[in-house]
């Protein structure tokens, strides 16, 4: 073996040893996976509210309630042009 090929072989061996040692340190420090937890929808909602630090929603009627629906403001564009006619009427 020539001197350069011997250096290359020693470098590859050193890299392989360091990689194997590093891999064992990484795999030894891993924690086991968390157990699967089943939550009800209310528990999941509360968990998400706690994570987002939301304590309450503002009071007032919701947008889906009949008391907040006004037919006068329901259609803000009552006079839309016919999409199949040009501006000149053809």
Protein backbone atom coordinates (compact mmCIF):
# COMPACT_ATOMS: atom_id res chain seq x y z
CA UNK A 1 0.00 0.00 0.00
CA UNK A 2 1.15 3.46 -0.75
CA UNK A 3 1.36 6.13 1.85
CA UNK A 4 -1.67 8.10 0.52
CA UNK A 5 -3.90 5.02 0.33
CA UNK A 6 -2.87 4.08 3.89
CA UNK A 7 -3.80 7.59 5.08
CA UNK A 8 -7.12 7.34 3.26
CA UNK A 9 -7.88 3.93 4.83
CA UNK A 10 -7.02 5.22 8.32
CA UNK A 11 -9.20 8.29 7.79
CA UNK A 12 -12.13 6.16 6.67
CA UNK A 13 -11.68 3.83 9.66
CA UNK A 14 -11.50 6.76 12.08
CA UNK A 15 -14.63 8.29 10.55
CA UNK A 16 -16.46 4.96 10.82
CA UNK A 17 -15.48 4.55 14.48
CA UNK A 18 -16.52 8.11 15.35
CA UNK A 19 -19.80 7.70 13.49
CA UNK A 20 -20.61 4.47 15.30
CA UNK A 21 -19.75 6.01 18.67
CA UNK A 22 -21.84 9.09 17.92
CA UNK A 23 -24.78 7.00 16.81
CA UNK A 24 -24.75 5.03 20.05
CA UNK A 25 -24.76 8.27 22.06
CA UNK A 26 -27.68 9.61 20.05
CA UNK A 27 -29.73 6.42 20.26
CA UNK A 28 -29.01 6.05 23.99
CA UNK A 29 -30.39 9.54 24.69
CA UNK A 30 -33.70 9.00 22.92
CA UNK A 31 -36.84 8.89 25.02
CA UNK A 32 -39.53 6.27 24.43
CA UNK A 33 -42.54 7.36 22.40
CA UNK A 34 -45.49 8.77 24.33
CA UNK A 35 -48.45 6.49 24.91
CA UNK A 36 -51.54 7.01 22.77
CA UNK A 37 -54.14 9.01 24.71
CA UNK A 38 -57.83 8.98 23.82
CA UNK A 39 -59.70 12.19 24.66
CA UNK A 40 -63.32 13.16 24.32
CA UNK A 41 -64.03 16.15 22.11
CA UNK A 42 -64.67 18.35 25.16
CA UNK A 43 -61.37 17.29 26.76
CA UNK A 44 -59.53 17.90 23.50
CA UNK A 45 -61.15 21.33 23.17
CA UNK A 46 -60.15 22.23 26.72
CA UNK A 47 -56.60 20.99 26.13
CA UNK A 48 -56.31 23.15 23.02
CA UNK A 49 -57.79 26.16 24.86
CA UNK A 50 -55.19 25.67 27.61
CA UNK A 51 -52.35 25.37 25.08
CA UNK A 52 -53.47 28.57 23.35
CA UNK A 53 -54.06 30.27 26.71
CA UNK A 54 -57.65 31.16 25.84
CA UNK A 55 -59.71 31.59 28.97
CA UNK A 56 -63.03 32.73 27.49
CA UNK A 57 -64.73 34.03 24.39
CA UNK A 58 -66.31 37.48 24.26
CA UNK A 59 -69.98 37.57 25.15
CA UNK A 60 -72.64 38.42 22.61
CA UNK A 61 -74.83 36.67 20.08
CA UNK A 62 -73.18 34.36 17.61
CA UNK A 63 -73.28 34.96 13.88
CA UNK A 64 -75.40 31.85 13.33
CA UNK A 65 -78.25 32.92 15.61
CA UNK A 66 -81.53 34.21 14.18
CA UNK A 67 -81.33 37.33 16.34
CA UNK A 68 -78.24 38.51 14.43
CA UNK A 69 -79.62 37.91 10.94
CA UNK A 70 -81.01 40.97 9.17
CA UNK A 71 -82.45 40.41 5.70
CA UNK A 72 -81.97 44.07 4.74
CA UNK A 73 -78.19 43.74 4.99
CA UNK A 74 -77.97 40.14 3.80
CA UNK A 75 -77.48 41.05 0.13
CA UNK A 76 -75.11 44.03 -0.20
CA UNK A 77 -75.11 43.79 -4.05
CA UNK A 78 -78.78 43.52 -5.10
CA UNK A 79 -78.34 44.77 -8.69
CA UNK A 80 -75.66 42.63 -10.29
CA UNK A 81 -75.39 42.78 -14.08
CA UNK A 82 -76.14 39.78 -16.25
CA UNK A 83 -72.79 37.95 -16.73
CA UNK A 84 -73.72 36.79 -20.26
CA UNK A 85 -74.23 40.26 -21.76
CA UNK A 86 -71.64 42.82 -22.83
CA UNK A 87 -71.65 46.45 -21.71
CA UNK A 88 -73.22 47.49 -25.07
CA UNK A 89 -76.18 45.15 -24.45
CA UNK A 90 -75.36 42.46 -27.03
